[in-house]
N, C-alpha and C. Protein backbone atom coordinates (compact mmCIF):
# COMPACT_ATOMS: atom_id res chain seq x y z
N UNK A 1 0.84 -1.17 0.00
CA UNK A 1 0.00 0.00 0.00
C UNK A 1 0.89 1.25 0.00
N UNK A 2 0.55 2.21 -0.82
CA UNK A 2 1.35 3.43 -0.91
C UNK A 2 0.93 4.42 0.17
N UNK A 3 1.72 5.45 0.31
CA UNK A 3 1.40 6.52 1.26
C UNK A 3 0.08 7.18 0.87
N UNK A 4 -0.14 7.37 -0.44
CA UNK A 4 -1.39 7.96 -0.91
C UNK A 4 -2.58 7.08 -0.54
N UNK A 5 -2.45 5.75 -0.73
CA UNK A 5 -3.53 4.83 -0.36
C UNK A 5 -3.82 4.90 1.14
N UNK A 6 -2.76 5.01 1.96
CA UNK A 6 -2.93 5.14 3.41
C UNK A 6 -3.70 6.41 3.76
N UNK A 7 -3.38 7.51 3.08
CA UNK A 7 -4.05 8.79 3.35
C UNK A 7 -5.52 8.73 2.93
N UNK A 8 -5.81 8.10 1.80
CA UNK A 8 -7.19 7.97 1.34
C UNK A 8 -7.99 7.13 2.32
N UNK A 9 -7.43 6.02 2.77
CA UNK A 9 -8.11 5.15 3.73
C UNK A 9 -8.36 5.91 5.04
N UNK A 10 -7.37 6.68 5.50
CA UNK A 10 -7.53 7.44 6.73
C UNK A 10 -8.62 8.50 6.56
N UNK A 11 -8.65 9.18 5.42
CA UNK A 11 -9.69 10.20 5.17
C UNK A 11 -11.07 9.56 5.13
N UNK A 12 -11.17 8.38 4.48
CA UNK A 12 -12.45 7.67 4.43
C UNK A 12 -12.92 7.30 5.83
N UNK A 13 -12.01 6.84 6.68
CA UNK A 13 -12.37 6.47 8.05
C UNK A 13 -12.82 7.69 8.85
N UNK A 14 -12.14 8.81 8.68
CA UNK A 14 -12.54 10.04 9.38
C UNK A 14 -13.91 10.49 8.91
N UNK A 15 -14.14 10.47 7.57
CA UNK A 15 -15.46 10.83 7.04
C UNK A 15 -16.55 9.94 7.62
N UNK A 16 -16.28 8.63 7.68
CA UNK A 16 -17.28 7.70 8.21
C UNK A 16 -17.58 8.00 9.67
N UNK A 17 -16.56 8.32 10.46
CA UNK A 17 -16.77 8.64 11.88
C UNK A 17 -17.60 9.92 12.03
N UNK A 18 -17.29 10.92 11.23
CA UNK A 18 -18.05 12.18 11.28
C UNK A 18 -19.49 11.93 10.86
N UNK A 19 -19.69 11.16 9.78
CA UNK A 19 -21.04 10.84 9.33
C UNK A 19 -21.80 10.07 10.41
N UNK A 20 -21.14 9.11 11.05
CA UNK A 20 -21.79 8.36 12.14
C UNK A 20 -22.28 9.31 13.23
N UNK A 21 -21.44 10.27 13.61
CA UNK A 21 -21.83 11.23 14.64
C UNK A 21 -22.99 12.11 14.18
N UNK A 22 -22.93 12.57 12.93
CA UNK A 22 -23.99 13.44 12.42
C UNK A 22 -25.33 12.70 12.39
N UNK A 23 -25.33 11.45 11.89
CA UNK A 23 -26.57 10.67 11.84
C UNK A 23 -27.08 10.36 13.25
N UNK A 24 -26.17 10.07 14.17
CA UNK A 24 -26.58 9.74 15.54
C UNK A 24 -27.26 10.92 16.24
N UNK A 25 -26.86 12.13 15.89
CA UNK A 25 -27.41 13.32 16.55
C UNK A 25 -28.68 13.84 15.89
N UNK A 26 -29.05 13.27 14.75
CA UNK A 26 -30.23 13.74 14.03
C UNK A 26 -31.52 13.30 14.70
N UNK A 27 -32.49 14.16 14.64
CA UNK A 27 -33.84 13.82 15.05
C UNK A 27 -34.72 13.99 13.81
N UNK A 28 -35.04 12.88 13.17
CA UNK A 28 -35.79 12.92 11.92
C UNK A 28 -37.27 12.70 12.20
N UNK A 29 -38.10 13.67 11.84
CA UNK A 29 -39.54 13.51 12.07
C UNK A 29 -40.12 12.33 11.29
N UNK A 30 -41.13 11.72 11.83
CA UNK A 30 -41.79 10.61 11.15
C UNK A 30 -42.30 11.10 9.80
N UNK A 31 -42.12 10.25 8.77
CA UNK A 31 -42.57 10.60 7.43
C UNK A 31 -41.55 11.37 6.63
N UNK A 32 -40.35 11.54 7.18
CA UNK A 32 -39.26 12.25 6.49
C UNK A 32 -38.09 11.31 6.28
N UNK A 33 -37.30 11.63 5.29
CA UNK A 33 -36.07 10.91 5.01
C UNK A 33 -34.91 11.89 5.18
N UNK A 34 -33.81 11.44 5.77
CA UNK A 34 -32.65 12.30 5.97
C UNK A 34 -31.43 11.74 5.26
N UNK A 35 -30.64 12.64 4.67
CA UNK A 35 -29.39 12.29 4.02
C UNK A 35 -28.38 13.38 4.31
N UNK A 36 -27.11 13.03 4.13
CA UNK A 36 -26.05 14.02 4.23
C UNK A 36 -25.36 14.06 2.88
N UNK A 37 -25.39 15.22 2.25
CA UNK A 37 -24.79 15.41 0.93
C UNK A 37 -23.75 16.51 1.06
N UNK A 38 -22.50 16.13 0.81
CA UNK A 38 -21.38 17.07 0.91
C UNK A 38 -21.38 17.80 2.25
N UNK A 39 -21.71 17.08 3.33
CA UNK A 39 -21.66 17.62 4.67
C UNK A 39 -22.91 18.36 5.12
N UNK A 40 -23.87 18.58 4.22
CA UNK A 40 -25.11 19.28 4.58
C UNK A 40 -26.22 18.25 4.80
N UNK A 41 -27.02 18.47 5.83
CA UNK A 41 -28.13 17.56 6.15
C UNK A 41 -29.37 18.02 5.38
N UNK A 42 -30.01 17.05 4.71
CA UNK A 42 -31.25 17.31 3.97
C UNK A 42 -32.33 16.37 4.46
N UNK A 43 -33.49 16.93 4.72
CA UNK A 43 -34.66 16.13 5.08
C UNK A 43 -35.75 16.44 4.07
N UNK A 44 -36.39 15.39 3.60
CA UNK A 44 -37.49 15.60 2.66
C UNK A 44 -38.66 14.70 3.05
N UNK A 45 -39.87 15.22 2.89
CA UNK A 45 -41.05 14.41 3.24
C UNK A 45 -41.28 13.31 2.22
N UNK A 46 -41.76 12.18 2.70
CA UNK A 46 -42.15 11.10 1.80
C UNK A 46 -43.51 11.44 1.22
N UNK A 47 -43.65 11.24 -0.09
CA UNK A 47 -44.91 11.55 -0.77
C UNK A 47 -45.42 10.30 -1.48
N UNK A 48 -46.72 10.27 -1.72
CA UNK A 48 -47.32 9.12 -2.42
C UNK A 48 -46.68 8.91 -3.79
N UNK A 49 -46.55 9.97 -4.56
CA UNK A 49 -45.97 9.86 -5.91
C UNK A 49 -44.57 9.28 -5.83
N UNK A 50 -43.78 9.78 -4.92
CA UNK A 50 -42.41 9.33 -4.70
C UNK A 50 -42.40 7.83 -4.41
N UNK A 51 -43.22 7.42 -3.45
CA UNK A 51 -43.27 6.02 -3.04
C UNK A 51 -43.75 5.12 -4.18
N UNK A 52 -44.76 5.54 -4.93
CA UNK A 52 -45.29 4.70 -6.01
C UNK A 52 -44.23 4.42 -7.07
N UNK A 53 -43.41 5.41 -7.40
CA UNK A 53 -42.33 5.20 -8.38
C UNK A 53 -41.28 4.26 -7.80
N UNK A 54 -40.89 4.47 -6.55
CA UNK A 54 -39.92 3.59 -5.90
C UNK A 54 -40.42 2.15 -5.91
N UNK A 55 -41.67 1.96 -5.48
CA UNK A 55 -42.24 0.62 -5.42
C UNK A 55 -42.30 -0.03 -6.80
N UNK A 56 -42.66 0.74 -7.81
CA UNK A 56 -42.72 0.22 -9.18
C UNK A 56 -41.33 -0.28 -9.62
N UNK A 57 -40.30 0.51 -9.35
CA UNK A 57 -38.94 0.11 -9.71
C UNK A 57 -38.54 -1.15 -8.96
N UNK A 58 -38.80 -1.19 -7.65
CA UNK A 58 -38.45 -2.36 -6.84
C UNK A 58 -39.17 -3.61 -7.35
N UNK A 59 -40.46 -3.48 -7.63
CA UNK A 59 -41.22 -4.64 -8.13
C UNK A 59 -40.64 -5.16 -9.45
N UNK A 60 -40.22 -4.26 -10.33
CA UNK A 60 -39.62 -4.70 -11.59
C UNK A 60 -38.27 -5.37 -11.37
N UNK A 61 -37.48 -4.82 -10.45
CA UNK A 61 -36.18 -5.44 -10.14
C UNK A 61 -36.36 -6.81 -9.49
N UNK A 62 -37.43 -6.97 -8.70
CA UNK A 62 -37.69 -8.25 -8.03
C UNK A 62 -37.95 -9.38 -9.03
N UNK A 63 -38.32 -9.05 -10.27
CA UNK A 63 -38.52 -10.09 -11.27
C UNK A 63 -37.21 -10.80 -11.61
N UNK A 64 -36.10 -10.17 -11.30
CA UNK A 64 -34.79 -10.74 -11.63
C UNK A 64 -33.88 -10.93 -10.42
N UNK A 65 -34.03 -10.08 -9.41
CA UNK A 65 -33.09 -10.07 -8.29
C UNK A 65 -33.77 -10.42 -6.98
N UNK A 66 -33.04 -11.13 -6.08
CA UNK A 66 -33.62 -11.46 -4.77
C UNK A 66 -33.76 -10.21 -3.90
N UNK A 67 -34.73 -10.24 -3.04
CA UNK A 67 -35.03 -9.12 -2.14
C UNK A 67 -33.80 -8.66 -1.36
N UNK A 68 -32.96 -9.60 -0.90
CA UNK A 68 -31.82 -9.24 -0.06
C UNK A 68 -30.81 -8.35 -0.77
N UNK A 69 -30.84 -8.30 -2.10
CA UNK A 69 -29.91 -7.44 -2.84
C UNK A 69 -30.48 -6.04 -3.09
N UNK A 70 -31.75 -5.83 -2.76
CA UNK A 70 -32.40 -4.54 -2.98
C UNK A 70 -32.53 -3.78 -1.67
N UNK A 71 -32.18 -2.50 -1.70
CA UNK A 71 -32.25 -1.65 -0.52
C UNK A 71 -32.96 -0.35 -0.88
N UNK A 72 -33.62 0.24 0.11
CA UNK A 72 -34.27 1.53 -0.07
C UNK A 72 -34.10 2.32 1.22
N UNK A 73 -33.66 3.57 1.08
CA UNK A 73 -33.46 4.45 2.23
C UNK A 73 -32.50 3.87 3.26
N UNK A 74 -31.49 3.15 2.80
CA UNK A 74 -30.47 2.59 3.67
C UNK A 74 -29.18 3.36 3.41
N UNK A 75 -28.54 3.80 4.48
CA UNK A 75 -27.33 4.61 4.36
C UNK A 75 -26.20 3.85 3.69
N UNK A 76 -25.61 4.51 2.70
CA UNK A 76 -24.38 4.05 2.07
C UNK A 76 -23.50 5.29 1.92
N UNK A 77 -22.25 5.21 2.36
CA UNK A 77 -21.32 6.33 2.25
C UNK A 77 -20.62 6.27 0.91
N UNK A 78 -20.62 7.40 0.21
CA UNK A 78 -20.04 7.50 -1.13
C UNK A 78 -18.83 8.40 -1.13
N UNK A 79 -17.98 8.29 -2.16
CA UNK A 79 -16.79 9.15 -2.25
C UNK A 79 -17.16 10.63 -2.21
N UNK A 80 -16.21 11.41 -1.75
CA UNK A 80 -16.41 12.85 -1.65
C UNK A 80 -16.50 13.24 -0.19
N UNK A 81 -16.69 14.51 0.05
CA UNK A 81 -16.71 15.05 1.40
C UNK A 81 -18.06 14.79 2.07
N UNK A 82 -18.07 13.92 3.07
CA UNK A 82 -19.23 13.64 3.91
C UNK A 82 -20.50 13.35 3.11
N UNK A 83 -20.47 12.28 2.33
CA UNK A 83 -21.62 11.84 1.54
C UNK A 83 -22.21 10.56 2.12
N UNK A 84 -23.24 10.69 2.93
CA UNK A 84 -23.97 9.55 3.49
C UNK A 84 -25.37 9.56 2.90
N UNK A 85 -25.57 8.83 1.81
CA UNK A 85 -26.83 8.86 1.08
C UNK A 85 -27.76 7.74 1.53
N UNK A 86 -29.06 8.02 1.51
CA UNK A 86 -30.11 7.03 1.75
C UNK A 86 -30.90 6.93 0.44
N UNK A 87 -30.31 6.26 -0.50
CA UNK A 87 -30.82 6.17 -1.87
C UNK A 87 -32.22 5.59 -1.91
N UNK A 88 -33.04 6.08 -2.86
CA UNK A 88 -34.41 5.58 -2.99
C UNK A 88 -34.42 4.09 -3.33
N UNK A 89 -33.62 3.67 -4.29
CA UNK A 89 -33.51 2.24 -4.64
C UNK A 89 -32.04 1.95 -4.94
N UNK A 90 -31.53 0.88 -4.34
CA UNK A 90 -30.16 0.43 -4.58
C UNK A 90 -30.18 -1.07 -4.86
N UNK A 91 -29.43 -1.47 -5.88
CA UNK A 91 -29.21 -2.89 -6.15
C UNK A 91 -27.75 -3.19 -5.83
N UNK A 92 -27.54 -4.15 -4.92
CA UNK A 92 -26.20 -4.56 -4.53
C UNK A 92 -25.76 -5.77 -5.34
N UNK A 93 -24.47 -5.91 -5.51
CA UNK A 93 -23.90 -7.05 -6.22
C UNK A 93 -24.11 -8.34 -5.42
N UNK A 94 -24.14 -9.42 -6.13
CA UNK A 94 -24.17 -10.75 -5.49
C UNK A 94 -22.96 -10.84 -4.57
N UNK A 95 -23.18 -11.30 -3.35
CA UNK A 95 -22.08 -11.46 -2.39
C UNK A 95 -21.62 -10.16 -1.74
N UNK A 96 -22.41 -9.10 -1.84
CA UNK A 96 -22.05 -7.82 -1.22
C UNK A 96 -21.85 -8.01 0.28
N UNK A 97 -20.90 -7.27 0.82
CA UNK A 97 -20.61 -7.36 2.25
C UNK A 97 -20.64 -5.97 2.87
N UNK A 98 -20.95 -5.94 4.15
CA UNK A 98 -20.99 -4.68 4.88
C UNK A 98 -19.60 -4.32 5.40
N UNK A 99 -19.43 -3.04 5.69
CA UNK A 99 -18.20 -2.59 6.32
C UNK A 99 -18.16 -3.06 7.76
N UNK A 100 -17.04 -2.86 8.42
CA UNK A 100 -16.93 -3.24 9.83
C UNK A 100 -17.94 -2.52 10.70
N UNK A 101 -18.34 -1.32 10.27
CA UNK A 101 -19.31 -0.55 11.06
C UNK A 101 -20.76 -0.91 10.73
N UNK A 102 -20.96 -1.84 9.80
CA UNK A 102 -22.31 -2.32 9.51
C UNK A 102 -23.01 -1.65 8.35
N UNK A 103 -22.31 -0.81 7.60
CA UNK A 103 -22.92 -0.17 6.42
C UNK A 103 -22.54 -0.93 5.16
N UNK A 104 -23.38 -0.81 4.15
CA UNK A 104 -23.06 -1.42 2.86
C UNK A 104 -21.97 -0.60 2.17
N UNK A 105 -21.16 -1.27 1.37
CA UNK A 105 -20.05 -0.62 0.67
C UNK A 105 -20.50 -0.10 -0.69
N UNK A 106 -20.10 1.11 -1.03
CA UNK A 106 -20.46 1.66 -2.34
C UNK A 106 -19.85 0.86 -3.48
N UNK A 107 -18.75 0.17 -3.21
CA UNK A 107 -18.10 -0.64 -4.25
C UNK A 107 -19.00 -1.79 -4.72
N UNK A 108 -19.99 -2.16 -3.92
CA UNK A 108 -20.90 -3.26 -4.26
C UNK A 108 -22.21 -2.79 -4.91
N UNK A 109 -22.36 -1.49 -5.13
CA UNK A 109 -23.59 -0.95 -5.71
C UNK A 109 -23.54 -1.10 -7.24
N UNK A 110 -24.59 -1.72 -7.80
CA UNK A 110 -24.67 -1.92 -9.25
C UNK A 110 -25.68 -0.99 -9.92
N UNK A 111 -26.65 -0.51 -9.14
CA UNK A 111 -27.71 0.32 -9.70
C UNK A 111 -28.25 1.21 -8.59
N UNK A 112 -28.52 2.45 -8.96
CA UNK A 112 -29.14 3.41 -8.04
C UNK A 112 -30.28 4.09 -8.78
N UNK A 113 -31.42 4.27 -8.10
CA UNK A 113 -32.52 5.07 -8.63
C UNK A 113 -32.87 6.12 -7.59
N UNK A 114 -32.98 7.35 -8.05
CA UNK A 114 -33.42 8.46 -7.20
C UNK A 114 -34.68 9.05 -7.82
N UNK A 115 -35.68 9.29 -6.99
CA UNK A 115 -36.91 9.94 -7.43
C UNK A 115 -36.85 11.38 -6.91
N UNK A 116 -37.01 12.31 -7.81
CA UNK A 116 -36.83 13.72 -7.49
C UNK A 116 -37.88 14.23 -6.50
N UNK A 117 -37.40 14.97 -5.52
CA UNK A 117 -38.25 15.75 -4.63
C UNK A 117 -37.91 17.21 -4.89
N UNK A 118 -38.90 18.08 -4.78
CA UNK A 118 -38.63 19.50 -5.05
C UNK A 118 -37.52 20.06 -4.17
N UNK A 119 -37.54 19.69 -2.90
CA UNK A 119 -36.59 20.29 -1.96
C UNK A 119 -35.16 19.78 -2.12
N UNK A 120 -34.97 18.58 -2.69
CA UNK A 120 -33.62 18.01 -2.78
C UNK A 120 -33.23 17.60 -4.19
N UNK A 121 -34.02 17.93 -5.18
CA UNK A 121 -33.76 17.52 -6.55
C UNK A 121 -32.42 17.97 -7.09
N UNK A 122 -31.98 19.15 -6.69
CA UNK A 122 -30.69 19.65 -7.17
C UNK A 122 -29.54 18.72 -6.76
N UNK A 123 -29.68 18.06 -5.60
CA UNK A 123 -28.65 17.09 -5.18
C UNK A 123 -28.59 15.91 -6.13
N UNK A 124 -29.75 15.41 -6.55
CA UNK A 124 -29.79 14.22 -7.41
C UNK A 124 -29.16 14.50 -8.78
N UNK A 125 -29.35 15.70 -9.28
CA UNK A 125 -28.79 16.08 -10.58
C UNK A 125 -27.35 16.59 -10.48
N UNK A 126 -26.90 16.94 -9.26
CA UNK A 126 -25.58 17.55 -9.09
C UNK A 126 -24.63 16.70 -8.28
N UNK A 127 -24.52 16.96 -6.97
CA UNK A 127 -23.53 16.26 -6.15
C UNK A 127 -23.69 14.74 -6.11
N UNK A 128 -24.93 14.26 -6.11
CA UNK A 128 -25.12 12.80 -6.09
C UNK A 128 -24.70 12.18 -7.42
N UNK A 129 -25.03 12.83 -8.52
CA UNK A 129 -24.59 12.36 -9.84
C UNK A 129 -23.06 12.23 -9.85
N UNK A 130 -22.38 13.25 -9.35
CA UNK A 130 -20.91 13.22 -9.31
C UNK A 130 -20.40 12.12 -8.39
N UNK A 131 -21.02 11.94 -7.22
CA UNK A 131 -20.58 10.92 -6.27
C UNK A 131 -20.80 9.51 -6.83
N UNK A 132 -21.94 9.28 -7.48
CA UNK A 132 -22.20 7.96 -8.06
C UNK A 132 -21.22 7.66 -9.19
N UNK A 133 -20.89 8.67 -9.99
CA UNK A 133 -19.91 8.48 -11.06
C UNK A 133 -18.53 8.19 -10.47
N UNK A 134 -18.15 8.95 -9.43
CA UNK A 134 -16.85 8.72 -8.78
C UNK A 134 -16.79 7.32 -8.16
N UNK A 135 -17.93 6.83 -7.67
CA UNK A 135 -18.01 5.48 -7.09
C UNK A 135 -18.10 4.40 -8.16
N UNK A 136 -18.21 4.83 -9.41
CA UNK A 136 -18.35 3.93 -10.55
C UNK A 136 -19.59 3.04 -10.45
N UNK A 137 -20.69 3.63 -9.98
CA UNK A 137 -21.98 2.92 -10.00
C UNK A 137 -22.35 2.77 -11.48
N UNK A 138 -22.52 1.53 -11.97
CA UNK A 138 -22.72 1.33 -13.41
C UNK A 138 -23.97 1.97 -14.01
N UNK A 139 -25.08 2.01 -13.22
CA UNK A 139 -26.33 2.57 -13.76
C UNK A 139 -26.96 3.46 -12.69
N UNK A 140 -27.21 4.71 -13.07
CA UNK A 140 -27.87 5.67 -12.18
C UNK A 140 -29.10 6.22 -12.90
N UNK A 141 -30.27 5.96 -12.32
CA UNK A 141 -31.55 6.39 -12.88
C UNK A 141 -32.13 7.51 -12.03
N UNK A 142 -32.49 8.60 -12.68
CA UNK A 142 -33.21 9.70 -12.03
C UNK A 142 -34.62 9.70 -12.62
N UNK A 143 -35.63 9.53 -11.76
CA UNK A 143 -37.03 9.62 -12.19
C UNK A 143 -37.58 10.94 -11.67
N UNK A 144 -38.03 11.78 -12.58
CA UNK A 144 -38.48 13.13 -12.21
C UNK A 144 -39.97 13.27 -12.46
N UNK A 145 -40.80 13.15 -11.40
CA UNK A 145 -42.25 13.23 -11.58
C UNK A 145 -42.75 14.65 -11.93
N UNK A 146 -41.90 15.66 -11.79
CA UNK A 146 -42.30 17.03 -12.12
C UNK A 146 -42.18 17.30 -13.62
N UNK A 147 -41.16 16.70 -14.25
CA UNK A 147 -40.99 16.86 -15.70
C UNK A 147 -41.56 15.67 -16.47
N UNK A 148 -41.83 14.56 -15.76
CA UNK A 148 -42.31 13.35 -16.41
C UNK A 148 -41.24 12.69 -17.26
N UNK A 149 -39.99 12.78 -16.80
CA UNK A 149 -38.86 12.20 -17.55
C UNK A 149 -37.98 11.34 -16.64
N UNK A 150 -37.33 10.37 -17.29
CA UNK A 150 -36.30 9.57 -16.63
C UNK A 150 -34.98 9.85 -17.32
N UNK A 151 -33.93 9.95 -16.52
CA UNK A 151 -32.57 10.16 -17.03
C UNK A 151 -31.74 8.98 -16.55
N UNK A 152 -31.15 8.24 -17.48
CA UNK A 152 -30.32 7.09 -17.13
C UNK A 152 -28.88 7.41 -17.49
N UNK A 153 -28.02 7.34 -16.48
CA UNK A 153 -26.59 7.59 -16.67
C UNK A 153 -25.86 6.25 -16.57
N UNK A 154 -25.00 5.98 -17.55
CA UNK A 154 -24.24 4.73 -17.58
C UNK A 154 -22.80 5.02 -18.00
N UNK A 155 -21.99 4.01 -17.90
CA UNK A 155 -20.59 4.03 -18.30
C UNK A 155 -19.77 5.09 -17.53
N UNK A 156 -19.67 4.90 -16.21
CA UNK A 156 -18.85 5.84 -15.44
C UNK A 156 -17.37 5.72 -15.80
N UNK A 157 -16.73 6.86 -15.96
CA UNK A 157 -15.31 6.87 -16.29
C UNK A 157 -14.69 8.16 -15.77
N UNK A 158 -13.66 8.02 -14.96
CA UNK A 158 -12.90 9.15 -14.43
C UNK A 158 -13.80 10.21 -13.78
N UNK A 159 -14.77 9.76 -12.99
CA UNK A 159 -15.60 10.68 -12.22
C UNK A 159 -16.79 11.28 -12.94
N UNK A 160 -17.08 10.80 -14.15
CA UNK A 160 -18.24 11.28 -14.92
C UNK A 160 -18.91 10.09 -15.61
N UNK A 161 -20.15 10.31 -16.00
CA UNK A 161 -20.83 9.30 -16.81
C UNK A 161 -20.66 9.67 -18.27
N UNK A 162 -20.31 8.70 -19.09
CA UNK A 162 -20.10 8.93 -20.52
C UNK A 162 -21.43 8.98 -21.27
N UNK A 163 -22.40 8.19 -20.81
CA UNK A 163 -23.66 8.06 -21.54
C UNK A 163 -24.85 8.51 -20.70
N UNK A 164 -25.78 9.24 -21.34
CA UNK A 164 -27.03 9.62 -20.70
C UNK A 164 -28.16 9.42 -21.69
N UNK A 165 -29.22 8.77 -21.22
CA UNK A 165 -30.42 8.56 -22.01
C UNK A 165 -31.57 9.20 -21.25
N UNK A 166 -32.38 10.01 -21.95
CA UNK A 166 -33.55 10.64 -21.35
C UNK A 166 -34.79 10.17 -22.09
N UNK A 167 -35.79 9.70 -21.33
CA UNK A 167 -37.05 9.26 -21.93
C UNK A 167 -38.21 9.83 -21.13
N UNK A 168 -39.34 9.99 -21.80
CA UNK A 168 -40.56 10.43 -21.13
C UNK A 168 -41.17 9.27 -20.35
N UNK A 169 -41.86 9.60 -19.26
CA UNK A 169 -42.63 8.58 -18.56
C UNK A 169 -43.56 7.93 -19.58
N UNK A 170 -43.66 6.63 -19.54
CA UNK A 170 -44.46 5.88 -20.50
C UNK A 170 -43.59 5.07 -21.43
N UNK A 171 -42.36 5.50 -21.63
CA UNK A 171 -41.43 4.76 -22.50
C UNK A 171 -40.73 3.67 -21.69
N UNK A 172 -40.18 2.71 -22.41
CA UNK A 172 -39.41 1.66 -21.77
C UNK A 172 -37.93 2.04 -21.76
N UNK A 173 -37.25 1.63 -20.71
CA UNK A 173 -35.81 1.86 -20.59
C UNK A 173 -35.10 0.53 -20.82
N UNK A 174 -34.51 0.38 -22.00
CA UNK A 174 -33.80 -0.85 -22.31
C UNK A 174 -32.42 -0.81 -21.66
N UNK A 175 -32.28 -1.52 -20.56
CA UNK A 175 -31.02 -1.57 -19.84
C UNK A 175 -30.41 -2.96 -19.90
N UNK A 176 -30.79 -3.71 -20.94
CA UNK A 176 -30.28 -5.08 -21.09
C UNK A 176 -28.79 -5.08 -21.40
N UNK A 177 -28.26 -4.01 -21.96
CA UNK A 177 -26.83 -3.92 -22.27
C UNK A 177 -25.99 -3.37 -21.12
N UNK A 178 -26.60 -3.22 -19.95
CA UNK A 178 -25.90 -2.72 -18.76
C UNK A 178 -25.83 -3.85 -17.73
N UNK A 179 -25.08 -3.66 -16.65
CA UNK A 179 -25.07 -4.69 -15.60
C UNK A 179 -26.45 -4.97 -15.01
N UNK A 180 -27.40 -4.05 -15.17
CA UNK A 180 -28.76 -4.30 -14.67
C UNK A 180 -29.41 -5.44 -15.44
N UNK A 181 -29.21 -5.47 -16.76
CA UNK A 181 -29.64 -6.60 -17.57
C UNK A 181 -31.14 -6.79 -17.73
N UNK A 182 -31.92 -5.70 -17.71
CA UNK A 182 -33.36 -5.84 -17.94
C UNK A 182 -33.92 -4.53 -18.50
N UNK A 183 -35.19 -4.60 -18.89
CA UNK A 183 -35.89 -3.42 -19.38
C UNK A 183 -36.86 -2.96 -18.31
N UNK A 184 -36.78 -1.68 -17.95
CA UNK A 184 -37.71 -1.10 -16.99
C UNK A 184 -38.80 -0.36 -17.75
N UNK A 185 -40.04 -0.57 -17.34
CA UNK A 185 -41.14 0.18 -17.94
C UNK A 185 -41.49 1.34 -17.02
N UNK A 186 -41.90 2.46 -17.61
CA UNK A 186 -42.22 3.64 -16.81
C UNK A 186 -43.68 4.06 -17.00
N UNK A 187 -44.46 3.21 -17.64
CA UNK A 187 -45.84 3.54 -17.96
C UNK A 187 -46.73 3.83 -16.78
N UNK A 188 -46.38 3.27 -15.62
CA UNK A 188 -47.21 3.49 -14.42
C UNK A 188 -46.58 4.49 -13.46
N UNK A 189 -45.50 5.17 -13.86
CA UNK A 189 -44.92 6.19 -13.01
C UNK A 189 -45.85 7.39 -12.96
N UNK A 190 -46.34 7.77 -11.79
CA UNK A 190 -47.22 8.94 -11.70
C UNK A 190 -46.43 10.24 -11.81
N UNK A 191 -47.13 11.30 -12.16
CA UNK A 191 -46.52 12.64 -12.23
C UNK A 191 -47.00 13.46 -11.05
N UNK A 192 -46.20 14.42 -10.69
CA UNK A 192 -46.57 15.36 -9.62
C UNK A 192 -46.89 16.71 -10.23
């Protein structure tokens, strides 16, 4: 291990400790979700539209993947300064393992879906997009019930996604050529 690798590992451990403290001190009201993005705490209310899209995605993923590989609103720490995300939908790799502190590792994430909320949507299109690309998450889906569009980012390379596909709600997302390996339908995604 090089000196640089040692410094990165030490920084990751410090970030995890700080995130643990921040999450432990939070008081999240019932019906809200909390995340830490670049060191800032964000809380957003859960909405019917939000949940229906999440559930639709999970049900479609369940046709191919076992329940134990699917997570929703579970903390995963991502690269960058204090990024503790509670992603709307996460697909973990077969054989994924937790860290010593009991969190899932971002290295095992194969797919992420975020459903836009008005109060935190800028995070999904900005810092989270950058963090998922830096983590080399193979497929990142943004479902936006306000615009009625889905944005699929694939092929992470050097901290960015090379490919982006945008479709209107109602269209199918052919992701058979990605590690996800299936087609997602968006015909039942509600709009806000």
